[in-house]
Amino acid sequence: MTDGAKAQTGWHGGWFVLAGVTILSPDALLVRLIGADEMTTAFWRLLLLGLTLLLAAVWRGVRRRQSLRHAVMPTRDDMLAGAFYGGTSLCFILSIKNTDVANTLVIIAATPLIAGLIGVFLFRRQQALRTWIASIVVFVSLAVIVGQGLGGVNMKGDLLALGTAVCLACYFNVLGVKIHIDSVRAMMAGAFLATAVVAPMSHPAAIAGLDFVWLLLLGCLVLPLSFTLISRGAKHIPAAEVGLIMLAEAIFGSILVWIFIGEVPTAVTFIAGGIVIATLALHSLMALRDHRQRRKIPTA
């Protein structure tokens, strides 16, 4: 592939990720608009997502002339990744229902750094000095955000947001180590697993009014379409660039909730969140610069 073709592929990859993030941005707002309790919301959001991914897996299998079992049956590694994805989805919903949206999105924005640290301690991967510095700054800022909610109404939601980031970081690490994992089957398995966990505590028949419309948008359109575009784009651009673009969700999502619901971030969240976003953006830009410099060095 020529340099021009690579550049064009990367350009398109960036637009795929940006389109996916833009579609994903209303996720938190839609969850907030749903009037049902958190467990019922989680049940329907996860079930609809799982069914949509199941249909996608079947359709893909038909196109590839695969057997139904081969098309939809997750492998052991798919299940491992799916468990972390299911934890991510469940913790996210519960977090949104129990704290300010800005808190949730800012804490989740730290996922790339958390994933990097997990890679260091579990998979013996090397990390640049800038990553360690950025990690310290981000985690201190997150400690301030979580600390302001200790003993208050936001404490549960802030801790669940941290759980979301950790589960998502583990999911990315498993995908990175076991590249043969089928992400569609993995996410499908995770969605159904999480659905089974919350089912006994939910009230599925309690959905009324526009709630089911918001749930259909989430489970059948926003989530599957956004992650499909992000995954496709991520195959053509560096991880640092993906992380940089993904930061837009924390900004877009918070703004949407601010406009439509009037939920204004606290001063502490605004300042500490700004530090987190700025640090992550600078870190991603530096990593992207180093990646491009290495590509310019001819191999022997």
Protein backbone atom coordinates (compact mmCIF):
# COMPACT_ATOMS: atom_id res chain seq x y z
CA MET A 1 0.00 0.00 0.00
CA THR A 2 1.39 3.41 -0.97
CA ASP A 3 1.87 6.28 1.51
CA GLY A 4 -1.02 8.09 -0.14
CA ALA A 5 -3.28 5.08 0.24
CA LYS A 6 -2.27 4.68 3.90
CA ALA A 7 -2.96 8.34 4.55
CA GLN A 8 -6.35 8.09 2.86
CA THR A 9 -7.21 4.96 4.88
CA GLY A 10 -6.18 6.70 8.12
CA TRP A 11 -8.21 9.77 7.16
CA HIS A 12 -11.29 7.62 6.61
CA GLY A 13 -10.58 5.69 9.83
CA GLY A 14 -10.59 8.92 11.82
CA TRP A 15 -13.92 9.92 10.34
CA PHE A 16 -15.39 6.50 11.18
CA VAL A 17 -14.35 6.89 14.83
CA LEU A 18 -15.63 10.46 14.99
CA ALA A 19 -18.97 9.40 13.47
CA GLY A 20 -19.23 6.57 16.00
CA VAL A 21 -18.46 8.88 18.94
CA THR A 22 -21.00 11.44 17.68
CA ILE A 23 -23.70 8.75 17.51
CA LEU A 24 -22.71 7.47 20.96
CA SER A 25 -22.84 10.92 22.60
CA PRO A 26 -26.63 10.92 23.31
CA ASP A 27 -26.28 7.62 25.22
CA ALA A 28 -26.15 9.24 28.67
CA LEU A 29 -28.96 11.68 27.81
CA LEU A 30 -31.27 8.89 26.62
CA VAL A 31 -30.60 6.86 29.77
CA ARG A 32 -31.50 9.93 31.86
CA LEU A 33 -34.72 10.49 29.89
CA ILE A 34 -35.96 7.00 30.75
CA GLY A 35 -38.26 7.21 33.76
CA ALA A 36 -38.04 3.52 34.76
CA ASP A 37 -35.88 2.40 37.65
CA GLU A 38 -32.21 1.59 37.04
CA MET A 39 -32.56 -2.20 36.96
CA THR A 40 -35.50 -2.14 34.55
CA THR A 41 -33.64 0.34 32.33
CA ALA A 42 -30.56 -1.89 32.39
CA PHE A 43 -32.61 -4.99 31.58
CA TRP A 44 -34.26 -3.57 28.46
CA ARG A 45 -31.17 -1.70 27.22
CA LEU A 46 -29.01 -4.82 27.51
CA LEU A 47 -31.63 -7.22 26.14
CA LEU A 48 -32.32 -5.07 23.07
CA LEU A 49 -28.59 -4.65 22.47
CA GLY A 50 -28.04 -8.40 22.74
CA LEU A 51 -30.89 -9.19 20.33
CA THR A 52 -29.64 -6.61 17.82
CA LEU A 53 -26.13 -8.08 17.93
CA LEU A 54 -27.59 -11.58 17.61
CA LEU A 55 -29.39 -10.56 14.42
CA ALA A 56 -26.17 -8.93 13.15
CA ALA A 57 -24.23 -12.15 13.82
CA VAL A 58 -26.85 -14.26 12.02
CA TRP A 59 -26.94 -11.89 9.04
CA ARG A 60 -23.14 -11.91 8.84
CA GLY A 61 -23.13 -15.70 9.07
CA VAL A 62 -25.60 -15.99 6.19
CA ARG A 63 -23.42 -13.73 4.04
CA ARG A 64 -20.39 -15.88 4.84
CA ARG A 65 -22.36 -19.12 4.37
CA GLN A 66 -21.59 -20.23 7.93
CA SER A 67 -23.69 -22.59 10.01
CA LEU A 68 -25.97 -20.91 12.56
CA ARG A 69 -24.00 -22.42 15.42
CA HIS A 70 -20.68 -21.14 14.08
CA ALA A 71 -22.14 -17.69 13.40
CA VAL A 72 -23.57 -17.03 16.85
CA MET A 73 -21.89 -19.36 19.35
CA PRO A 74 -19.22 -17.44 21.33
CA THR A 75 -15.90 -19.10 22.07
CA ARG A 76 -14.34 -19.20 25.55
CA ASP A 77 -12.28 -16.10 24.76
CA ASP A 78 -15.37 -14.36 23.37
CA MET A 79 -17.09 -15.06 26.69
CA LEU A 80 -14.15 -13.65 28.65
CA ALA A 81 -14.20 -10.41 26.68
CA GLY A 82 -18.00 -10.41 26.83
CA ALA A 83 -17.97 -10.62 30.63
CA PHE A 84 -15.96 -7.39 30.80
CA TYR A 85 -18.17 -5.73 28.18
CA GLY A 86 -21.28 -6.74 30.09
CA GLY A 87 -19.78 -5.28 33.26
CA THR A 88 -19.03 -2.09 31.38
CA SER A 89 -22.59 -1.74 30.08
CA LEU A 90 -24.21 -2.54 33.42
CA CYS A 91 -21.99 -0.25 35.50
CA PHE A 92 -22.50 2.59 33.00
CA ILE A 93 -26.30 2.50 33.27
CA LEU A 94 -26.24 2.29 37.06
CA SER A 95 -23.70 5.10 37.24
CA ILE A 96 -25.76 7.44 35.04
CA LYS A 97 -28.78 6.80 37.27
CA ASN A 98 -26.85 7.58 40.48
CA THR A 99 -24.56 10.54 39.78
CA ASP A 100 -24.12 13.57 37.55
CA VAL A 101 -23.62 12.64 33.90
CA ALA A 102 -20.48 14.80 33.69
CA ASN A 103 -18.94 12.83 36.57
CA THR A 104 -19.60 9.53 34.79
CA LEU A 105 -18.26 10.63 31.41
CA VAL A 106 -15.13 12.31 32.79
CA ILE A 107 -14.24 9.26 34.88
CA ILE A 108 -14.81 6.93 31.91
CA ALA A 109 -12.58 9.18 29.78
CA ALA A 110 -9.62 7.86 31.80
CA THR A 111 -10.14 4.36 30.36
CA PRO A 112 -7.11 4.50 27.97
CA LEU A 113 -4.73 5.24 30.85
CA ILE A 114 -6.30 2.58 33.05
CA ALA A 115 -5.97 0.11 30.17
CA GLY A 116 -2.30 1.06 29.85
CA LEU A 117 -1.62 0.48 33.54
CA ILE A 118 -3.40 -2.89 33.46
CA GLY A 119 -1.21 -3.80 30.49
CA VAL A 120 1.90 -2.91 32.52
CA PHE A 121 1.07 -4.93 35.61
CA LEU A 122 -0.64 -7.93 34.01
CA PHE A 123 0.99 -8.25 30.59
CA ARG A 124 4.42 -6.69 31.33
CA ARG A 125 4.03 -4.02 28.68
CA GLN A 126 6.29 -0.97 28.71
CA GLN A 127 4.85 2.52 29.18
CA ALA A 128 6.45 5.84 28.30
CA LEU A 129 7.30 8.33 31.05
CA ARG A 130 4.60 10.69 29.77
CA THR A 131 2.00 7.96 30.40
CA TRP A 132 3.05 7.64 34.04
CA ILE A 133 2.95 11.43 34.48
CA ALA A 134 -0.45 11.68 32.78
CA SER A 135 -1.74 8.81 34.92
CA ILE A 136 -0.76 10.56 38.15
CA VAL A 137 -2.41 13.83 37.07
CA VAL A 138 -5.58 12.10 35.89
CA PHE A 139 -5.96 9.85 38.91
CA VAL A 140 -5.47 12.75 41.32
CA SER A 141 -8.17 14.66 39.43
CA LEU A 142 -10.49 11.65 39.49
CA ALA A 143 -9.84 11.24 43.23
CA VAL A 144 -11.02 14.83 43.69
CA ILE A 145 -14.20 14.15 41.69
CA VAL A 146 -14.97 10.90 43.50
CA GLY A 147 -13.92 12.43 46.83
CA GLN A 148 -16.49 15.21 46.60
CA GLY A 149 -19.21 12.57 46.46
CA LEU A 150 -18.02 10.49 49.42
CA GLY A 151 -20.87 10.09 51.86
CA GLY A 152 -23.22 11.93 49.48
CA VAL A 153 -25.82 11.02 46.88
CA ASN A 154 -23.23 10.78 44.08
CA MET A 155 -20.86 8.38 45.83
CA LYS A 156 -22.46 5.21 44.46
CA GLY A 157 -22.63 6.54 40.90
CA ASP A 158 -19.04 7.82 40.93
CA LEU A 159 -17.71 4.45 42.10
CA LEU A 160 -19.80 2.69 39.44
CA ALA A 161 -18.30 5.02 36.81
CA LEU A 162 -14.86 3.95 38.01
CA GLY A 163 -16.02 0.34 37.70
CA THR A 164 -17.16 1.10 34.14
CA ALA A 165 -13.73 2.44 33.23
CA VAL A 166 -11.94 -0.56 34.79
CA CYS A 167 -14.20 -3.10 33.02
CA LEU A 168 -13.80 -1.29 29.70
CA ALA A 169 -10.02 -1.15 30.17
CA CYS A 170 -9.97 -4.91 30.84
CA TYR A 171 -12.12 -5.46 27.73
CA PHE A 172 -9.66 -3.53 25.55
CA ASN A 173 -6.71 -5.44 27.01
CA VAL A 174 -8.32 -8.82 26.37
CA LEU A 175 -9.07 -7.79 22.78
CA GLY A 176 -5.48 -6.60 22.37
CA VAL A 177 -3.97 -9.85 23.67
CA LYS A 178 -6.42 -12.23 21.98
CA ILE A 179 -6.84 -10.65 18.55
CA HIS A 180 -8.89 -13.61 17.27
CA ILE A 181 -11.85 -12.61 19.45
CA ASP A 182 -15.02 -11.81 17.52
CA SER A 183 -16.18 -8.48 18.98
CA VAL A 184 -19.80 -8.91 17.80
CA ARG A 185 -20.18 -12.29 19.51
CA ALA A 186 -18.30 -11.04 22.56
CA MET A 187 -20.53 -7.98 23.01
CA MET A 188 -23.62 -10.11 22.35
CA ALA A 189 -22.58 -12.62 25.02
CA GLY A 190 -21.81 -9.82 27.47
CA ALA A 191 -25.15 -8.13 26.88
CA PHE A 192 -27.10 -11.35 27.46
CA LEU A 193 -25.00 -12.23 30.52
CA ALA A 194 -25.63 -8.83 32.10
CA THR A 195 -29.34 -9.11 31.20
CA ALA A 196 -29.54 -12.39 33.12
CA VAL A 197 -27.86 -10.75 36.13
CA VAL A 198 -30.32 -7.84 36.38
CA ALA A 199 -33.48 -9.74 35.32
CA PRO A 200 -34.47 -10.88 38.85
CA MET A 201 -34.23 -7.29 40.12
CA SER A 202 -36.05 -5.62 37.21
CA HIS A 203 -39.72 -4.97 36.35
CA PRO A 204 -39.88 -5.30 32.53
CA ALA A 205 -43.62 -4.58 32.34
CA ALA A 206 -43.11 -1.21 34.06
CA ILE A 207 -41.90 0.47 30.85
CA ALA A 208 -44.41 3.09 29.72
CA GLY A 209 -44.76 6.15 27.52
CA LEU A 210 -41.69 7.24 25.60
CA ASP A 211 -39.37 5.05 27.66
CA PHE A 212 -39.53 2.20 25.16
CA VAL A 213 -38.76 4.60 22.30
CA TRP A 214 -35.58 5.74 24.06
CA LEU A 215 -34.67 2.13 24.82
CA LEU A 216 -35.18 1.10 21.19
CA LEU A 217 -32.95 3.96 20.05
CA LEU A 218 -30.27 2.88 22.51
CA GLY A 219 -30.32 -0.88 22.06
CA CYS A 220 -31.09 -1.10 18.36
CA LEU A 221 -29.35 1.94 16.90
CA VAL A 222 -27.07 4.08 19.08
CA LEU A 223 -24.99 1.35 20.74
CA PRO A 224 -24.55 -1.21 17.92
CA LEU A 225 -24.02 1.39 15.19
CA SER A 226 -21.61 3.56 17.19
CA PHE A 227 -19.39 0.68 18.34
CA THR A 228 -19.38 -0.81 14.83
CA LEU A 229 -18.09 2.47 13.37
CA ILE A 230 -15.55 2.97 16.17
CA SER A 231 -14.24 -0.59 15.79
CA ARG A 232 -13.97 -0.22 12.00
CA GLY A 233 -12.12 3.09 12.27
CA ALA A 234 -9.81 1.82 15.02
CA LYS A 235 -8.39 -0.77 12.61
CA HIS A 236 -6.91 1.99 10.42
CA ILE A 237 -5.61 4.63 12.86
CA PRO A 238 -3.29 4.53 15.90
CA ALA A 239 -4.76 3.82 19.34
CA ALA A 240 -3.62 7.28 20.49
CA GLU A 241 -5.75 8.91 17.81
CA VAL A 242 -8.75 6.76 18.74
CA GLY A 243 -8.34 7.80 22.38
CA LEU A 244 -8.10 11.46 21.42
CA ILE A 245 -11.31 11.33 19.36
CA MET A 246 -13.10 9.34 22.08
CA LEU A 247 -12.59 12.26 24.47
CA ALA A 248 -15.25 14.09 22.48
CA GLU A 249 -17.91 11.88 24.08
CA ALA A 250 -17.22 13.33 27.53
CA ILE A 251 -17.65 16.82 26.11
CA PHE A 252 -20.58 16.21 23.74
CA GLY A 253 -22.45 14.01 26.22
CA SER A 254 -22.16 16.51 29.06
CA ILE A 255 -23.26 19.38 26.82
CA LEU A 256 -26.34 17.48 25.60
CA VAL A 257 -27.45 16.73 29.16
CA TRP A 258 -26.74 20.34 30.12
CA ILE A 259 -28.92 21.65 27.24
CA PHE A 260 -31.86 19.23 27.39
CA ILE A 261 -32.07 18.45 31.10
CA GLY A 262 -30.37 21.46 32.63
CA GLU A 263 -27.94 19.37 34.68
CA VAL A 264 -24.98 21.68 35.28
CA PRO A 265 -21.68 20.10 36.38
CA THR A 266 -20.43 21.17 39.80
CA ALA A 267 -17.47 23.55 39.98
CA VAL A 268 -15.23 20.73 41.21
CA THR A 269 -16.26 18.44 38.35
CA PHE A 270 -15.87 21.27 35.83
CA ILE A 271 -12.31 22.12 36.96
CA ALA A 272 -11.08 18.58 37.65
CA GLY A 273 -12.79 17.29 34.50
CA GLY A 274 -11.14 20.02 32.44
CA ILE A 275 -7.75 18.94 33.80
CA VAL A 276 -8.53 15.29 32.92
CA ILE A 277 -9.63 16.12 29.36
CA ALA A 278 -6.66 18.46 28.76
CA THR A 279 -4.17 15.92 30.13
CA LEU A 280 -5.57 13.05 28.08
CA ALA A 281 -5.69 15.20 24.94
CA LEU A 282 -2.06 16.28 25.38
CA HIS A 283 -0.97 12.71 26.09
CA SER A 284 -2.76 11.40 22.98
CA LEU A 285 -1.28 14.14 20.80
CA MET A 286 2.25 13.34 22.01
CA ALA A 287 1.70 9.61 21.45
CA LEU A 288 0.33 10.30 17.98
CA ARG A 289 3.34 12.49 17.15
CA ASP A 290 5.74 9.73 18.23
CA HIS A 291 3.82 7.17 16.18
CA ARG A 292 4.09 9.29 13.04
CA GLN A 293 7.79 9.92 13.63
CA ARG A 294 8.44 6.17 13.92
CA ARG A 295 6.61 5.58 10.64
CA LYS A 296 8.98 8.00 8.91
CA ILE A 297 12.07 6.05 10.06
CA PRO A 298 12.95 3.51 7.32
CA THR A 299 13.31 -0.08 8.47
CA ALA A 300 16.53 -1.98 7.75
